[in-house]
Amino acid sequence: MSDLKTTFAGLKLKNPIIISSSGLTNSAIKNKQLEEAGAGAIVLKSLFEEQIALEAAQMQNSVYYPEGGDYLVEALRDHKLSEYLRLIKESKESCRIPIIASINCFSDSEWTNFATEIEKAGADALEINILSLQTEELYEWGTFEQRHINILKHVKQHINIPVIMKLGNNLTNPVALINQLYANGAAAVVLFNRFYQPDIDIDKVKQSVGQVFSSNTDLANTLRWVGIASSVVNQIDYAASGGVHKPQDVIKSILAGASAVEICSAIYRGGNESIKPMLNFISKWMNDKGYEYIHQFKGLLNTKEPRGINTFERTQFLKYYGNHEGW
């Protein structure tokens, strides 16, 4: 019989399916239901620095006295943190699987000090999301990557639980950054975070919201970079995120070098009941292929293997299809 246990960021998971940070994980009741449905771990809905800062700024603008504004801002921060700490404690009380807290931040500020309280509340690990577009005309090369390192260093000064870095796909060289994150104490990385998807309504001639959920086509970029990075910086754990919708996608991610996957859209679309069939499929596939444990095929097709390098590092494809009709 196949064994689906895996290790990610030093955490022991009963299977590689992690529910990623979203509205799916914003209450202890939901998290218990996800555990019962078969999830291997849960990333709690993020504490958003940007959202809190925006609400705080609106509060400051709405009061007449600066001192009163500062008091309300501090009260708002304390309230948001208190709510989040309660979510951690209640989720830990009701669930036996690892509970991973999440901070979505874009600055190396006092927000990272929340990590201390998060650890005290009982979180098994902390995932840090640094999701930001670099659009400054006079941008200094490398400062965005350095921000990741600075925030990680700051957090690591305050806590001992594993720190997981969830990266966006807008990096020039993810491998170099991952190497530096490992050197500065990151236990794992997640590739990749999903940006807000903009669109344009041509009938109303206005900006609109694009596709909220990910699709299977998003997986290719994740597989590419998990496959490349896991062969070069192999001392750190990887989770694939974005485009993981089917059990086949989980298997592909592990073959590329991931220890686990983070899923969200698949659960929104298929419900909690979609987890068990995914696990059953993976188990059957392992049995059919003669694999007893996850580690036996993890990274089997990353770029250190001749079978993987020609696909993950390929940037041009016309010459490969040049002899086909239509090219």
C-alpha atoms as a PDB file:
ATOM      1  CA  MET A   1       0.000   0.000   0.000  1.00  0.00           C
ATOM      2  CA  SER A   2       1.212   3.500  -0.820  1.00  0.00           C
ATOM      3  CA  ASP A   3       2.058   5.944   1.969  1.00  0.00           C
ATOM      4  CA  LEU A   4       1.127   9.568   1.199  1.00  0.00           C
ATOM      5  CA  LYS A   5       3.034  11.116   4.110  1.00  0.00           C
ATOM      6  CA  THR A   6       5.407  13.928   3.247  1.00  0.00           C
ATOM      7  CA  THR A   7       7.543  16.516   5.012  1.00  0.00           C
ATOM      8  CA  PHE A   8       7.246  20.204   4.227  1.00  0.00           C
ATOM      9  CA  ALA A   9       9.103  22.994   6.039  1.00  0.00           C
ATOM     10  CA  GLY A  10       9.943  20.517   8.792  1.00  0.00           C
ATOM     11  CA  LEU A  11       6.262  19.709   9.309  1.00  0.00           C
ATOM     12  CA  LYS A  12       5.014  16.146   9.029  1.00  0.00           C
ATOM     13  CA  LEU A  13       1.981  15.975   6.732  1.00  0.00           C
ATOM     14  CA  LYS A  14      -0.286  12.964   6.299  1.00  0.00           C
ATOM     15  CA  ASN A  15      -0.496  13.825   2.602  1.00  0.00           C
ATOM     16  CA  PRO A  16       0.827  16.559   0.267  1.00  0.00           C
ATOM     17  CA  ILE A  17      -2.419  18.543  -0.096  1.00  0.00           C
ATOM     18  CA  ILE A  18      -2.299  21.882   1.721  1.00  0.00           C
ATOM     19  CA  ILE A  19      -5.291  24.239   1.612  1.00  0.00           C
ATOM     20  CA  SER A  20      -3.903  27.662   0.788  1.00  0.00           C
ATOM     21  CA  SER A  21      -4.736  30.951   2.433  1.00  0.00           C
ATOM     22  CA  SER A  22      -8.222  32.131   1.424  1.00  0.00           C
ATOM     23  CA  GLY A  23     -11.785  32.541   2.618  1.00  0.00           C
ATOM     24  CA  LEU A  24     -11.830  28.743   2.828  1.00  0.00           C
ATOM     25  CA  THR A  25      -9.602  28.904   5.903  1.00  0.00           C
ATOM     26  CA  ASN A  26     -10.925  31.918   7.809  1.00  0.00           C
ATOM     27  CA  SER A  27     -12.661  30.022  10.613  1.00  0.00           C
ATOM     28  CA  ALA A  28     -11.890  27.099  12.912  1.00  0.00           C
ATOM     29  CA  ILE A  29     -15.134  25.391  11.866  1.00  0.00           C
ATOM     30  CA  LYS A  30     -14.165  25.482   8.179  1.00  0.00           C
ATOM     31  CA  ASN A  31     -10.662  24.278   8.993  1.00  0.00           C
ATOM     32  CA  LYS A  32     -11.980  21.301  10.954  1.00  0.00           C
ATOM     33  CA  GLN A  33     -14.197  20.398   8.002  1.00  0.00           C
ATOM     34  CA  LEU A  34     -11.216  20.585   5.659  1.00  0.00           C
ATOM     35  CA  GLU A  35      -9.248  18.308   7.970  1.00  0.00           C
ATOM     36  CA  GLU A  36     -12.105  15.803   8.051  1.00  0.00           C
ATOM     37  CA  ALA A  37     -12.270  15.961   4.243  1.00  0.00           C
ATOM     38  CA  GLY A  38      -8.636  14.862   4.071  1.00  0.00           C
ATOM     39  CA  ALA A  39      -6.444  17.989   3.926  1.00  0.00           C
ATOM     40  CA  GLY A  40      -2.836  17.453   4.986  1.00  0.00           C
ATOM     41  CA  ALA A  41      -2.323  20.981   6.336  1.00  0.00           C
ATOM     42  CA  ILE A  42      -4.015  24.377   6.320  1.00  0.00           C
ATOM     43  CA  VAL A  43      -2.716  27.884   5.679  1.00  0.00           C
ATOM     44  CA  LEU A  44      -4.960  30.343   7.494  1.00  0.00           C
ATOM     45  CA  LYS A  45      -6.435  33.332   5.692  1.00  0.00           C
ATOM     46  CA  SER A  46      -3.763  36.010   5.575  1.00  0.00           C
ATOM     47  CA  LEU A  47      -3.378  38.984   7.823  1.00  0.00           C
ATOM     48  CA  PHE A  48      -3.002  41.744   5.198  1.00  0.00           C
ATOM     49  CA  GLU A  49      -0.654  44.608   5.982  1.00  0.00           C
ATOM     50  CA  GLU A  50      -1.927  46.604   3.005  1.00  0.00           C
ATOM     51  CA  GLN A  51      -5.571  46.279   4.032  1.00  0.00           C
ATOM     52  CA  ILE A  52      -4.890  47.245   7.636  1.00  0.00           C
ATOM     53  CA  ALA A  53      -2.758  50.194   6.535  1.00  0.00           C
ATOM     54  CA  LEU A  54      -5.547  51.364   4.189  1.00  0.00           C
ATOM     55  CA  GLU A  55      -8.209  51.131   6.891  1.00  0.00           C
ATOM     56  CA  ALA A  56      -5.891  52.900   9.326  1.00  0.00           C
ATOM     57  CA  ALA A  57      -5.293  55.730   6.848  1.00  0.00           C
ATOM     58  CA  GLN A  58      -9.037  56.115   6.330  1.00  0.00           C
ATOM     59  CA  MET A  59      -9.471  56.323  10.100  1.00  0.00           C
ATOM     60  CA  GLN A  60      -6.826  59.012  10.399  1.00  0.00           C
ATOM     61  CA  ASN A  61      -8.502  61.057   7.676  1.00  0.00           C
ATOM     62  CA  SER A  62     -11.859  60.813   9.398  1.00  0.00           C
ATOM     63  CA  VAL A  63     -10.821  62.268  12.760  1.00  0.00           C
ATOM     64  CA  TYR A  64     -10.034  65.860  13.539  1.00  0.00           C
ATOM     65  CA  TYR A  65      -7.324  65.450  16.197  1.00  0.00           C
ATOM     66  CA  PRO A  66      -4.054  63.727  15.164  1.00  0.00           C
ATOM     67  CA  GLU A  67      -3.734  62.173  18.629  1.00  0.00           C
ATOM     68  CA  GLY A  68      -7.156  60.620  18.270  1.00  0.00           C
ATOM     69  CA  GLY A  69      -6.252  59.293  14.838  1.00  0.00           C
ATOM     70  CA  ASP A  70      -3.105  57.635  16.155  1.00  0.00           C
ATOM     71  CA  TYR A  71      -5.098  56.012  18.948  1.00  0.00           C
ATOM     72  CA  LEU A  72      -7.688  54.638  16.528  1.00  0.00           C
ATOM     73  CA  VAL A  73      -5.001  53.306  14.207  1.00  0.00           C
ATOM     74  CA  GLU A  74      -3.330  51.465  17.059  1.00  0.00           C
ATOM     75  CA  ALA A  75      -6.688  50.143  18.232  1.00  0.00           C
ATOM     76  CA  LEU A  76      -7.452  48.869  14.728  1.00  0.00           C
ATOM     77  CA  ARG A  77      -4.141  47.043  14.501  1.00  0.00           C
ATOM     78  CA  ASP A  78      -4.616  45.478  17.914  1.00  0.00           C
ATOM     79  CA  HIS A  79      -8.144  44.400  17.028  1.00  0.00           C
ATOM     80  CA  LYS A  80      -7.085  42.784  13.741  1.00  0.00           C
ATOM     81  CA  LEU A  81      -4.207  40.969  15.415  1.00  0.00           C
ATOM     82  CA  SER A  82      -6.420  39.821  18.280  1.00  0.00           C
ATOM     83  CA  GLU A  83      -8.932  38.352  15.822  1.00  0.00           C
ATOM     84  CA  TYR A  84      -6.160  36.571  13.989  1.00  0.00           C
ATOM     85  CA  LEU A  85      -4.620  35.127  17.128  1.00  0.00           C
ATOM     86  CA  ARG A  86      -8.041  33.799  18.103  1.00  0.00           C
ATOM     87  CA  LEU A  87      -8.331  32.108  14.699  1.00  0.00           C
ATOM     88  CA  ILE A  88      -4.980  30.401  15.261  1.00  0.00           C
ATOM     89  CA  LYS A  89      -5.858  29.221  18.775  1.00  0.00           C
ATOM     90  CA  GLU A  90      -9.308  27.948  17.835  1.00  0.00           C
ATOM     91  CA  SER A  91      -7.991  26.175  14.742  1.00  0.00           C
ATOM     92  CA  LYS A  92      -5.230  24.516  16.753  1.00  0.00           C
ATOM     93  CA  GLU A  93      -7.737  23.377  19.363  1.00  0.00           C
ATOM     94  CA  SER A  94     -10.020  21.766  16.789  1.00  0.00           C
ATOM     95  CA  CYS A  95      -7.483  20.392  14.272  1.00  0.00           C
ATOM     96  CA  ARG A  96      -4.679  17.865  14.514  1.00  0.00           C
ATOM     97  CA  ILE A  97      -3.069  18.677  11.181  1.00  0.00           C
ATOM     98  CA  PRO A  98      -0.481  21.503  10.922  1.00  0.00           C
ATOM     99  CA  ILE A  99      -1.909  25.012  11.066  1.00  0.00           C
ATOM    100  CA  ILE A 100       0.198  27.541   9.167  1.00  0.00           C
ATOM    101  CA  ALA A 101      -0.350  31.243   9.843  1.00  0.00           C
ATOM    102  CA  SER A 102       0.013  33.734   7.006  1.00  0.00           C
ATOM    103  CA  ILE A 103       1.117  37.357   6.792  1.00  0.00           C
ATOM    104  CA  ASN A 104       0.699  39.246   3.529  1.00  0.00           C
ATOM    105  CA  CYS A 105       3.132  42.143   3.744  1.00  0.00           C
ATOM    106  CA  PHE A 106       5.086  44.446   1.477  1.00  0.00           C
ATOM    107  CA  SER A 107       7.323  46.358   3.896  1.00  0.00           C
ATOM    108  CA  ASP A 108       9.931  45.544   6.509  1.00  0.00           C
ATOM    109  CA  SER A 109       8.069  47.270   9.309  1.00  0.00           C
ATOM    110  CA  GLU A 110       6.518  46.622  12.695  1.00  0.00           C
ATOM    111  CA  TRP A 111       4.006  44.297  11.047  1.00  0.00           C
ATOM    112  CA  THR A 112       6.602  41.562  11.003  1.00  0.00           C
ATOM    113  CA  ASN A 113       6.732  41.796  14.789  1.00  0.00           C
ATOM    114  CA  PHE A 114       3.282  40.191  14.770  1.00  0.00           C
ATOM    115  CA  ALA A 115       5.189  36.982  14.118  1.00  0.00           C
ATOM    116  CA  THR A 116       6.056  36.749  17.815  1.00  0.00           C
ATOM    117  CA  GLU A 117       2.408  36.762  18.841  1.00  0.00           C
ATOM    118  CA  ILE A 118       1.557  34.318  16.073  1.00  0.00           C
ATOM    119  CA  GLU A 119       4.102  31.848  17.403  1.00  0.00           C
ATOM    120  CA  LYS A 120       2.798  32.257  20.957  1.00  0.00           C
ATOM    121  CA  ALA A 121      -0.736  31.545  19.721  1.00  0.00           C
ATOM    122  CA  GLY A 122       0.405  28.091  18.630  1.00  0.00           C
ATOM    123  CA  ALA A 123       0.887  28.286  14.846  1.00  0.00           C
ATOM    124  CA  ASP A 124       3.028  25.432  13.533  1.00  0.00           C
ATOM    125  CA  ALA A 125       4.684  27.639  10.919  1.00  0.00           C
ATOM    126  CA  LEU A 126       4.397  31.073   9.348  1.00  0.00           C
ATOM    127  CA  GLU A 127       3.954  31.718   5.635  1.00  0.00           C
ATOM    128  CA  ILE A 128       5.012  35.158   4.447  1.00  0.00           C
ATOM    129  CA  ASN A 129       3.505  36.510   1.232  1.00  0.00           C
ATOM    130  CA  ILE A 130       5.320  39.451  -0.331  1.00  0.00           C
ATOM    131  CA  LEU A 131       3.023  40.337  -3.186  1.00  0.00           C
ATOM    132  CA  SER A 132       3.886  43.571  -4.907  1.00  0.00           C
ATOM    133  CA  LEU A 133       4.399  44.951  -8.407  1.00  0.00           C
ATOM    134  CA  GLN A 134       7.492  47.059  -9.037  1.00  0.00           C
ATOM    135  CA  THR A 135       6.402  49.952 -11.232  1.00  0.00           C
ATOM    136  CA  GLU A 136       8.665  52.837 -10.177  1.00  0.00           C
ATOM    137  CA  GLU A 137      10.305  54.601 -13.098  1.00  0.00           C
ATOM    138  CA  LEU A 138      13.546  55.044 -11.132  1.00  0.00           C
ATOM    139  CA  TYR A 139      13.497  51.544  -9.651  1.00  0.00           C
ATOM    140  CA  GLU A 140      16.839  50.336  -8.322  1.00  0.00           C
ATOM    141  CA  TRP A 141      17.549  46.818  -9.557  1.00  0.00           C
ATOM    142  CA  GLY A 142      17.428  44.139  -6.881  1.00  0.00           C
ATOM    143  CA  THR A 143      15.648  46.130  -4.183  1.00  0.00           C
ATOM    144  CA  PHE A 144      12.485  44.025  -4.465  1.00  0.00           C
ATOM    145  CA  GLU A 145      14.426  40.809  -3.957  1.00  0.00           C
ATOM    146  CA  GLN A 146      16.340  42.375  -1.082  1.00  0.00           C
ATOM    147  CA  ARG A 147      13.044  43.268   0.557  1.00  0.00           C
ATOM    148  CA  HIS A 148      12.193  39.569   0.722  1.00  0.00           C
ATOM    149  CA  ILE A 149      15.489  38.870   2.465  1.00  0.00           C
ATOM    150  CA  ASN A 150      15.129  41.788   4.886  1.00  0.00           C
ATOM    151  CA  ILE A 151      11.614  40.772   5.924  1.00  0.00           C
ATOM    152  CA  LEU A 152      12.715  37.159   6.395  1.00  0.00           C
ATOM    153  CA  LYS A 153      15.681  38.227   8.523  1.00  0.00           C
ATOM    154  CA  HIS A 154      13.460  40.447  10.647  1.00  0.00           C
ATOM    155  CA  VAL A 155      10.923  37.687  11.245  1.00  0.00           C
ATOM    156  CA  LYS A 156      13.593  35.080  11.996  1.00  0.00           C
ATOM    157  CA  GLN A 157      14.924  37.342  14.745  1.00  0.00           C
ATOM    158  CA  HIS A 158      11.613  36.984  16.573  1.00  0.00           C
ATOM    159  CA  ILE A 159      10.422  33.401  16.113  1.00  0.00           C
ATOM    160  CA  ASN A 160      11.626  29.806  16.068  1.00  0.00           C
ATOM    161  CA  ILE A 161       8.819  28.147  14.111  1.00  0.00           C
ATOM    162  CA  PRO A 162       9.488  27.420  10.424  1.00  0.00           C
ATOM    163  CA  VAL A 163       9.139  30.355   8.041  1.00  0.00           C
ATOM    164  CA  ILE A 164       7.777  29.690   4.554  1.00  0.00           C
ATOM    165  CA  MET A 165       8.196  32.290   1.813  1.00  0.00           C
ATOM    166  CA  LYS A 166       5.440  32.430  -0.830  1.00  0.00           C
ATOM    167  CA  LEU A 167       6.787  34.173  -3.903  1.00  0.00           C
ATOM    168  CA  GLY A 168       5.152  35.995  -6.774  1.00  0.00           C
ATOM    169  CA  ASN A 169       6.038  35.052 -10.343  1.00  0.00           C
ATOM    170  CA  ASN A 170       7.383  38.519 -11.174  1.00  0.00           C
ATOM    171  CA  LEU A 171      11.010  37.735 -10.315  1.00  0.00           C
ATOM    172  CA  THR A 172      13.926  37.920 -12.733  1.00  0.00           C
ATOM    173  CA  ASN A 173      15.708  34.930 -11.199  1.00  0.00           C
ATOM    174  CA  PRO A 174      13.716  32.958  -8.617  1.00  0.00           C
ATOM    175  CA  VAL A 175      16.586  30.503  -8.141  1.00  0.00           C
ATOM    176  CA  ALA A 176      19.023  33.164  -6.921  1.00  0.00           C
ATOM    177  CA  LEU A 177      16.447  34.576  -4.524  1.00  0.00           C
ATOM    178  CA  ILE A 178      15.491  31.134  -3.195  1.00  0.00           C
ATOM    179  CA  ASN A 179      19.163  30.418  -2.555  1.00  0.00           C
ATOM    180  CA  GLN A 180      19.443  33.611  -0.480  1.00  0.00           C
ATOM    181  CA  LEU A 181      16.211  32.858   1.363  1.00  0.00           C
ATOM    182  CA  TYR A 182      17.554  29.423   2.284  1.00  0.00           C
ATOM    183  CA  ALA A 183      20.823  30.994   3.454  1.00  0.00           C
ATOM    184  CA  ASN A 184      18.833  33.342   5.697  1.00  0.00           C
ATOM    185  CA  GLY A 185      16.732  30.662   7.352  1.00  0.00           C
ATOM    186  CA  ALA A 186      13.666  30.007   5.203  1.00  0.00           C
ATOM    187  CA  ALA A 187      12.389  26.455   5.671  1.00  0.00           C
ATOM    188  CA  ALA A 188      10.431  26.311   2.414  1.00  0.00           C
ATOM    189  CA  VAL A 189       9.171  28.322  -0.530  1.00  0.00           C
ATOM    190  CA  VAL A 190       5.822  28.252  -2.333  1.00  0.00           C
ATOM    191  CA  LEU A 191       5.750  28.904  -6.077  1.00  0.00           C
ATOM    192  CA  PHE A 192       3.730  30.989  -6.912  1.00  0.00           C
ATOM    193  CA  ASN A 193       1.378  33.521  -5.399  1.00  0.00           C
ATOM    194  CA  ARG A 194      -1.569  34.608  -7.538  1.00  0.00           C
ATOM    195  CA  PHE A 195      -1.951  38.272  -8.417  1.00  0.00           C
ATOM    196  CA  TYR A 196      -5.239  40.084  -8.678  1.00  0.00           C
ATOM    197  CA  GLN A 197      -6.367  39.617 -12.280  1.00  0.00           C
ATOM    198  CA  PRO A 198      -7.468  42.873 -13.969  1.00  0.00           C
ATOM    199  CA  ASP A 199      -9.656  43.099 -17.040  1.00  0.00           C
ATOM    200  CA  ILE A 200     -11.362  45.791 -19.106  1.00  0.00           C
ATOM    201  CA  ASP A 201     -15.077  45.963 -19.847  1.00  0.00           C
ATOM    202  CA  ILE A 202     -15.267  47.333 -23.398  1.00  0.00           C
ATOM    203  CA  ASP A 203     -19.045  47.845 -23.221  1.00  0.00           C
ATOM    204  CA  LYS A 204     -18.867  50.039 -20.114  1.00  0.00           C
ATOM    205  CA  VAL A 205     -15.372  51.293 -21.012  1.00  0.00           C
ATOM    206  CA  LYS A 206     -14.063  50.729 -17.518  1.00  0.00           C
ATOM    207  CA  GLN A 207     -11.692  48.498 -15.631  1.00  0.00           C
ATOM    208  CA  SER A 208     -13.147  45.290 -14.240  1.00  0.00           C
ATOM    209  CA  VAL A 209     -12.131  42.164 -12.362  1.00  0.00           C
ATOM    210  CA  GLY A 210     -10.689  39.302 -14.394  1.00  0.00           C
ATOM    211  CA  GLN A 211     -10.736  35.589 -13.686  1.00  0.00           C
ATOM    212  CA  VAL A 212     -10.694  35.050  -9.927  1.00  0.00           C
ATOM    213  CA  PHE A 213      -9.829  31.357  -9.947  1.00  0.00           C
ATOM    214  CA  SER A 214      -6.685  29.832 -11.384  1.00  0.00           C
ATOM    215  CA  SER A 215      -6.759  27.407 -14.310  1.00  0.00           C
ATOM    216  CA  ASN A 216      -4.772  24.369 -15.422  1.00  0.00           C
ATOM    217  CA  THR A 217      -2.711  26.525 -17.759  1.00  0.00           C
ATOM    218  CA  ASP A 218      -1.192  28.323 -14.750  1.00  0.00           C
ATOM    219  CA  LEU A 219       0.528  25.105 -13.692  1.00  0.00           C
ATOM    220  CA  ALA A 220       3.129  25.122 -16.488  1.00  0.00           C
ATOM    221  CA  ASN A 221       5.053  28.090 -15.088  1.00  0.00           C
ATOM    222  CA  THR A 222       4.955  26.603 -11.589  1.00  0.00           C
ATOM    223  CA  LEU A 223       6.275  23.262 -12.856  1.00  0.00           C
ATOM    224  CA  ARG A 224       9.058  25.033 -14.746  1.00  0.00           C
ATOM    225  CA  TRP A 225      10.418  26.868 -11.721  1.00  0.00           C
ATOM    226  CA  VAL A 226       9.863  24.101  -9.172  1.00  0.00           C
ATOM    227  CA  GLY A 227      11.693  21.784 -11.572  1.00  0.00           C
ATOM    228  CA  ILE A 228      14.606  24.170 -12.026  1.00  0.00           C
ATOM    229  CA  ALA A 229      14.933  25.476  -8.468  1.00  0.00           C
ATOM    230  CA  SER A 230      14.541  22.134  -6.687  1.00  0.00           C
ATOM    231  CA  SER A 231      17.514  20.731  -8.608  1.00  0.00           C
ATOM    232  CA  VAL A 232      19.772  23.698  -7.848  1.00  0.00           C
ATOM    233  CA  VAL A 233      18.731  24.694  -4.303  1.00  0.00           C
ATOM    234  CA  ASN A 234      17.756  21.263  -3.030  1.00  0.00           C
ATOM    235  CA  GLN A 235      18.265  21.923   0.677  1.00  0.00           C
ATOM    236  CA  ILE A 236      14.929  23.714   0.959  1.00  0.00           C
ATOM    237  CA  ASP A 237      11.379  22.363   0.545  1.00  0.00           C
ATOM    238  CA  TYR A 238       9.041  23.450  -2.249  1.00  0.00           C
ATOM    239  CA  ALA A 239       5.275  23.617  -2.583  1.00  0.00           C
ATOM    240  CA  ALA A 240       3.576  24.141  -5.934  1.00  0.00           C
ATOM    241  CA  SER A 241       0.728  26.641  -6.052  1.00  0.00           C
ATOM    242  CA  GLY A 242      -1.345  27.936  -8.932  1.00  0.00           C
ATOM    243  CA  GLY A 243      -3.036  25.659 -11.421  1.00  0.00           C
ATOM    244  CA  VAL A 244      -3.232  22.573  -9.206  1.00  0.00           C
ATOM    245  CA  HIS A 245      -6.770  21.417  -9.939  1.00  0.00           C
ATOM    246  CA  LYS A 246      -6.592  17.668 -10.487  1.00  0.00           C
ATOM    247  CA  PRO A 247      -4.781  14.755  -8.806  1.00  0.00           C
ATOM    248  CA  GLN A 248      -2.603  14.517 -11.907  1.00  0.00           C
ATOM    249  CA  ASP A 249      -1.419  18.060 -11.131  1.00  0.00           C
ATOM    250  CA  VAL A 250      -0.342  16.996  -7.655  1.00  0.00           C
ATOM    251  CA  ILE A 251       1.683  14.115  -9.097  1.00  0.00           C
ATOM    252  CA  LYS A 252       3.258  16.371 -11.734  1.00  0.00           C
ATOM    253  CA  SER A 253       4.264  18.868  -9.035  1.00  0.00           C
ATOM    254  CA  ILE A 254       5.947  16.185  -6.938  1.00  0.00           C
ATOM    255  CA  LEU A 255       7.751  14.750  -9.973  1.00  0.00           C
ATOM    256  CA  ALA A 256       9.041  18.278 -10.640  1.00  0.00           C
ATOM    257  CA  GLY A 257      10.438  18.490  -7.098  1.00  0.00           C
ATOM    258  CA  ALA A 258       7.661  19.731  -4.800  1.00  0.00           C
ATOM    259  CA  SER A 259       7.084  18.162  -1.396  1.00  0.00           C
ATOM    260  CA  ALA A 260       3.501  19.409  -1.309  1.00  0.00           C
ATOM    261  CA  VAL A 261       0.956  21.513  -3.178  1.00  0.00           C
ATOM    262  CA  GLU A 262      -1.264  24.393  -2.106  1.00  0.00           C
ATOM    263  CA  ILE A 263      -4.757  24.336  -3.560  1.00  0.00           C
ATOM    264  CA  CYS A 264      -7.595  26.829  -3.390  1.00  0.00           C
ATOM    265  CA  SER A 265      -9.558  27.247  -6.620  1.00  0.00           C
ATOM    266  CA  ALA A 266     -10.057  23.486  -6.894  1.00  0.00           C
ATOM    267  CA  ILE A 267     -11.812  23.455  -3.523  1.00  0.00           C
ATOM    268  CA  TYR A 268     -13.938  26.486  -4.352  1.00  0.00           C
ATOM    269  CA  ARG A 269     -15.074  24.730  -7.508  1.00  0.00           C
ATOM    270  CA  GLY A 270     -15.327  21.131  -6.312  1.00  0.00           C
ATOM    271  CA  GLY A 271     -15.959  21.540  -2.591  1.00  0.00           C
ATOM    272  CA  ASN A 272     -14.240  19.793   0.305  1.00  0.00           C
ATOM    273  CA  GLU A 273     -15.485  16.473  -1.034  1.00  0.00           C
ATOM    274  CA  SER A 274     -13.062  16.749  -3.959  1.00  0.00           C
ATOM    275  CA  ILE A 275     -10.064  16.103  -1.697  1.00  0.00           C
ATOM    276  CA  LYS A 276     -10.633  12.387  -1.041  1.00  0.00           C
ATOM    277  CA  PRO A 277     -10.896  11.421  -4.750  1.00  0.00           C
ATOM    278  CA  MET A 278      -7.624  13.290  -5.366  1.00  0.00           C
ATOM    279  CA  LEU A 279      -5.898  11.321  -2.625  1.00  0.00           C
ATOM    280  CA  ASN A 280      -7.359   8.051  -3.880  1.00  0.00           C
ATOM    281  CA  PHE A 281      -6.102   8.763  -7.404  1.00  0.00           C
ATOM    282  CA  ILE A 282      -2.595   9.579  -6.152  1.00  0.00           C
ATOM    283  CA  SER A 283      -2.533   6.423  -4.045  1.00  0.00           C
ATOM    284  CA  LYS A 284      -3.634   4.247  -6.970  1.00  0.00           C
ATOM    285  CA  TRP A 285      -1.097   5.866  -9.298  1.00  0.00           C
ATOM    286  CA  MET A 286       1.678   5.175  -6.786  1.00  0.00           C
ATOM    287  CA  ASN A 287       0.591   1.561  -6.451  1.00  0.00           C
ATOM    288  CA  ASP A 288       0.423   1.137 -10.215  1.00  0.00           C
ATOM    289  CA  LYS A 289       3.926   2.611 -10.638  1.00  0.00           C
ATOM    290  CA  GLY A 290       5.406   0.644  -7.737  1.00  0.00           C
ATOM    291  CA  TYR A 291       6.048   3.629  -5.477  1.00  0.00           C
ATOM    292  CA  GLU A 292       5.502   3.094  -1.778  1.00  0.00           C
ATOM    293  CA  TYR A 293       6.528   6.534  -0.559  1.00  0.00           C
ATOM    294  CA  ILE A 294       6.337  10.109  -1.900  1.00  0.00           C
ATOM    295  CA  HIS A 295      10.100  10.605  -1.687  1.00  0.00           C
ATOM    296  CA  GLN A 296      10.652   7.802  -4.195  1.00  0.00           C
ATOM    297  CA  PHE A 297       9.392   9.947  -7.071  1.00  0.00           C
ATOM    298  CA  LYS A 298       9.836  13.472  -5.708  1.00  0.00           C
ATOM    299  CA  GLY A 299      12.050  15.416  -8.094  1.00  0.00           C
ATOM    300  CA  LEU A 300      12.349  12.483 -10.474  1.00  0.00           C
ATOM    301  CA  LEU A 301      11.797  14.830 -13.402  1.00  0.00           C
ATOM    302  CA  ASN A 302      13.457  18.031 -12.228  1.00  0.00           C
ATOM    303  CA  THR A 303      16.287  19.556 -14.242  1.00  0.00           C
ATOM    304  CA  LYS A 304      19.085  17.510 -12.683  1.00  0.00           C
ATOM    305  CA  GLU A 305      17.598  14.612 -14.642  1.00  0.00           C
ATOM    306  CA  PRO A 306      18.195  14.447 -18.427  1.00  0.00           C
ATOM    307  CA  ARG A 307      14.488  13.755 -18.859  1.00  0.00           C
ATOM    308  CA  GLY A 308      13.565  17.098 -17.329  1.00  0.00           C
ATOM    309  CA  ILE A 309      16.107  19.696 -18.420  1.00  0.00           C
ATOM    310  CA  ASN A 310      14.988  19.974 -22.045  1.00  0.00           C
ATOM    311  CA  THR A 311      11.451  20.935 -21.076  1.00  0.00           C
ATOM    312  CA  PHE A 312      11.835  23.109 -17.977  1.00  0.00           C
ATOM    313  CA  GLU A 313      14.689  25.246 -19.307  1.00  0.00           C
ATOM    314  CA  ARG A 314      13.441  25.488 -22.876  1.00  0.00           C
ATOM    315  CA  THR A 315      12.530  29.040 -23.898  1.00  0.00           C
ATOM    316  CA  GLN A 316      12.184  28.640 -27.667  1.00  0.00           C
ATOM    317  CA  PHE A 317       9.839  26.137 -29.237  1.00  0.00           C
ATOM    318  CA  LEU A 318       9.437  27.125 -32.872  1.00  0.00           C
ATOM    319  CA  LYS A 319      12.436  25.095 -34.004  1.00  0.00           C
ATOM    320  CA  TYR A 320      10.977  22.010 -32.351  1.00  0.00           C
ATOM    321  CA  TYR A 321       7.741  22.347 -34.273  1.00  0.00           C
ATOM    322  CA  GLY A 322       9.107  23.939 -37.431  1.00  0.00           C
ATOM    323  CA  ASN A 323       8.472  20.841 -39.520  1.00  0.00           C
ATOM    324  CA  HIS A 324       4.823  20.646 -38.490  1.00  0.00           C
ATOM    325  CA  GLU A 325       2.122  21.981 -40.750  1.00  0.00           C
ATOM    326  CA  GLY A 326       1.027  25.476 -39.777  1.00  0.00           C
ATOM    327  CA  TRP A 327       4.406  26.568 -38.373  1.00  0.00           C
END
